[in-house]
Amino acid sequence: MEGRLIGYARVSTSAQELNLQLDALKQAGCKKQHIFTDQISGSKAERPGLAECMKELKNGDTPIIWRLDRLGRSLRKLIDIVEQLQKNGSRLPLLQRRRH
């Protein structure tokens, strides 16, 4: 059985909208119940949507994100997340690219 596509979207403030990211995640094949979101700065340690996303990921699943900076604002944080994904048997994040 092939793994699932698990989406994560984040905007930094409540004034920003998630719609563009959510549309891209759905187009990439993520089911609505497998999309997690945060409306909080990437520099914040507590991101409940990301925590739920990471908890949902199982062996063989692929996390889908809009851009790498949606996961973390520092290289150290990104490395920590990638290491956690590898430990859990999830594939590395598949990045959605913006269409110009």
C-alpha atoms as a PDB file:
ATOM      1  CA  MET A   1       0.000   0.000   0.000  1.00  0.00           C
ATOM      2  CA  GLU A   2       1.314   3.402  -0.955  1.00  0.00           C
ATOM      3  CA  GLY A   3       1.511   6.080   1.733  1.00  0.00           C
ATOM      4  CA  ARG A   4      -0.813   9.017   2.086  1.00  0.00           C
ATOM      5  CA  LEU A   5      -0.229  12.648   1.222  1.00  0.00           C
ATOM      6  CA  ILE A   6      -0.372  14.732   4.399  1.00  0.00           C
ATOM      7  CA  GLY A   7      -0.558  18.505   3.892  1.00  0.00           C
ATOM      8  CA  TYR A   8       0.639  21.360   6.051  1.00  0.00           C
ATOM      9  CA  ALA A   9      -0.056  25.054   5.485  1.00  0.00           C
ATOM     10  CA  ARG A  10       0.962  28.043   7.578  1.00  0.00           C
ATOM     11  CA  VAL A  11       0.578  31.796   7.488  1.00  0.00           C
ATOM     12  CA  SER A  12       2.344  34.093   9.920  1.00  0.00           C
ATOM     13  CA  THR A  13      -0.576  36.290  10.985  1.00  0.00           C
ATOM     14  CA  SER A  14      -4.340  36.063  11.269  1.00  0.00           C
ATOM     15  CA  ALA A  15      -4.563  38.850   8.658  1.00  0.00           C
ATOM     16  CA  GLN A  16      -3.100  36.500   6.035  1.00  0.00           C
ATOM     17  CA  GLU A  17      -5.128  33.825   4.276  1.00  0.00           C
ATOM     18  CA  LEU A  18      -4.404  30.129   3.810  1.00  0.00           C
ATOM     19  CA  ASN A  19      -6.552  29.724   0.669  1.00  0.00           C
ATOM     20  CA  LEU A  20      -3.729  29.688  -1.894  1.00  0.00           C
ATOM     21  CA  GLN A  21      -1.783  27.064   0.056  1.00  0.00           C
ATOM     22  CA  LEU A  22      -4.888  24.970   0.765  1.00  0.00           C
ATOM     23  CA  ASP A  23      -5.870  24.972  -2.911  1.00  0.00           C
ATOM     24  CA  ALA A  24      -2.351  23.841  -3.877  1.00  0.00           C
ATOM     25  CA  LEU A  25      -2.398  21.041  -1.291  1.00  0.00           C
ATOM     26  CA  LYS A  26      -5.758  19.796  -2.556  1.00  0.00           C
ATOM     27  CA  GLN A  27      -4.514  19.941  -6.161  1.00  0.00           C
ATOM     28  CA  ALA A  28      -1.454  17.928  -5.096  1.00  0.00           C
ATOM     29  CA  GLY A  29      -3.781  15.179  -3.890  1.00  0.00           C
ATOM     30  CA  CYS A  30      -4.130  15.844  -0.155  1.00  0.00           C
ATOM     31  CA  LYS A  31      -7.526  14.952   1.254  1.00  0.00           C
ATOM     32  CA  LYS A  32      -9.204  17.615   3.372  1.00  0.00           C
ATOM     33  CA  GLN A  33      -8.970  15.487   6.530  1.00  0.00           C
ATOM     34  CA  HIS A  34      -5.202  15.164   5.950  1.00  0.00           C
ATOM     35  CA  ILE A  35      -4.440  18.898   5.799  1.00  0.00           C
ATOM     36  CA  PHE A  36      -3.204  20.660   8.932  1.00  0.00           C
ATOM     37  CA  THR A  37      -2.816  24.410   9.374  1.00  0.00           C
ATOM     38  CA  ASP A  38      -1.377  27.089  11.612  1.00  0.00           C
ATOM     39  CA  GLN A  39      -1.847  30.837  11.675  1.00  0.00           C
ATOM     40  CA  ILE A  40       1.263  31.649  13.681  1.00  0.00           C
ATOM     41  CA  SER A  41       4.819  32.814  13.086  1.00  0.00           C
ATOM     42  CA  GLY A  42       7.261  30.105  12.014  1.00  0.00           C
ATOM     43  CA  SER A  43       9.611  31.232  14.743  1.00  0.00           C
ATOM     44  CA  LYS A  44       7.156  30.137  17.448  1.00  0.00           C
ATOM     45  CA  ALA A  45       8.057  26.862  19.110  1.00  0.00           C
ATOM     46  CA  GLU A  46       4.425  25.837  19.623  1.00  0.00           C
ATOM     47  CA  ARG A  47       2.650  25.177  16.346  1.00  0.00           C
ATOM     48  CA  PRO A  48      -0.289  22.894  17.060  1.00  0.00           C
ATOM     49  CA  GLY A  49      -1.101  22.266  13.382  1.00  0.00           C
ATOM     50  CA  LEU A  50       2.458  21.146  12.641  1.00  0.00           C
ATOM     51  CA  ALA A  51       2.472  18.959  15.749  1.00  0.00           C
ATOM     52  CA  GLU A  52      -0.771  17.269  14.628  1.00  0.00           C
ATOM     53  CA  CYS A  53       0.619  16.877  11.098  1.00  0.00           C
ATOM     54  CA  MET A  54       3.786  15.214  12.387  1.00  0.00           C
ATOM     55  CA  LYS A  55       1.732  12.938  14.650  1.00  0.00           C
ATOM     56  CA  GLU A  56      -0.491  11.909  11.731  1.00  0.00           C
ATOM     57  CA  LEU A  57       2.433  10.931   9.473  1.00  0.00           C
ATOM     58  CA  LYS A  58       3.019   7.203   9.292  1.00  0.00           C
ATOM     59  CA  ASN A  59       5.653   5.059   7.626  1.00  0.00           C
ATOM     60  CA  GLY A  60       5.537   5.703   3.851  1.00  0.00           C
ATOM     61  CA  ASP A  61       3.463   8.903   4.028  1.00  0.00           C
ATOM     62  CA  THR A  62       4.639  12.038   2.239  1.00  0.00           C
ATOM     63  CA  PRO A  63       4.259  15.473   3.801  1.00  0.00           C
ATOM     64  CA  ILE A  64       3.215  18.120   1.282  1.00  0.00           C
ATOM     65  CA  ILE A  65       4.040  21.770   1.879  1.00  0.00           C
ATOM     66  CA  TRP A  66       3.733  24.958  -0.154  1.00  0.00           C
ATOM     67  CA  ARG A  67       7.287  26.107   0.469  1.00  0.00           C
ATOM     68  CA  LEU A  68      10.089  24.965   2.726  1.00  0.00           C
ATOM     69  CA  ASP A  69       9.792  28.078   4.908  1.00  0.00           C
ATOM     70  CA  ARG A  70       6.286  26.916   5.934  1.00  0.00           C
ATOM     71  CA  LEU A  71       7.946  24.211   8.057  1.00  0.00           C
ATOM     72  CA  GLY A  72      10.477  26.363   9.848  1.00  0.00           C
ATOM     73  CA  ARG A  73      12.287  29.666   9.760  1.00  0.00           C
ATOM     74  CA  SER A  74      15.734  28.364  10.671  1.00  0.00           C
ATOM     75  CA  LEU A  75      17.976  25.759   9.118  1.00  0.00           C
ATOM     76  CA  ARG A  76      18.300  24.014  12.489  1.00  0.00           C
ATOM     77  CA  LYS A  77      14.503  23.669  12.807  1.00  0.00           C
ATOM     78  CA  LEU A  78      14.234  22.320   9.252  1.00  0.00           C
ATOM     79  CA  ILE A  79      16.969  19.758   9.922  1.00  0.00           C
ATOM     80  CA  ASP A  80      15.185  18.659  13.124  1.00  0.00           C
ATOM     81  CA  ILE A  81      11.915  18.175  11.235  1.00  0.00           C
ATOM     82  CA  VAL A  82      13.567  16.232   8.387  1.00  0.00           C
ATOM     83  CA  GLU A  83      15.342  13.997  10.913  1.00  0.00           C
ATOM     84  CA  GLN A  84      12.038  13.331  12.674  1.00  0.00           C
ATOM     85  CA  LEU A  85      10.387  12.486   9.339  1.00  0.00           C
ATOM     86  CA  GLN A  86      13.150  10.029   8.488  1.00  0.00           C
ATOM     87  CA  LYS A  87      12.888   8.407  11.930  1.00  0.00           C
ATOM     88  CA  ASN A  88       9.151   7.916  11.430  1.00  0.00           C
ATOM     89  CA  GLY A  89       9.670   6.373   7.987  1.00  0.00           C
ATOM     90  CA  SER A  90       7.998   9.268   6.188  1.00  0.00           C
ATOM     91  CA  ARG A  91       9.376  10.491   2.927  1.00  0.00           C
ATOM     92  CA  LEU A  92      11.094  13.836   2.720  1.00  0.00           C
ATOM     93  CA  PRO A  93       8.748  16.767   2.082  1.00  0.00           C
ATOM     94  CA  LEU A  94       7.507  17.202  -1.462  1.00  0.00           C
ATOM     95  CA  LEU A  95       7.545  20.902  -2.111  1.00  0.00           C
ATOM     96  CA  GLN A  96       4.791  22.590  -4.012  1.00  0.00           C
ATOM     97  CA  ARG A  97       6.158  25.153  -6.405  1.00  0.00           C
ATOM     98  CA  ARG A  98       4.525  28.435  -7.192  1.00  0.00           C
ATOM     99  CA  ARG A  99       3.216  28.884 -10.668  1.00  0.00           C
ATOM    100  CA  HIS A 100       4.403  32.113 -12.201  1.00  0.00           C
END
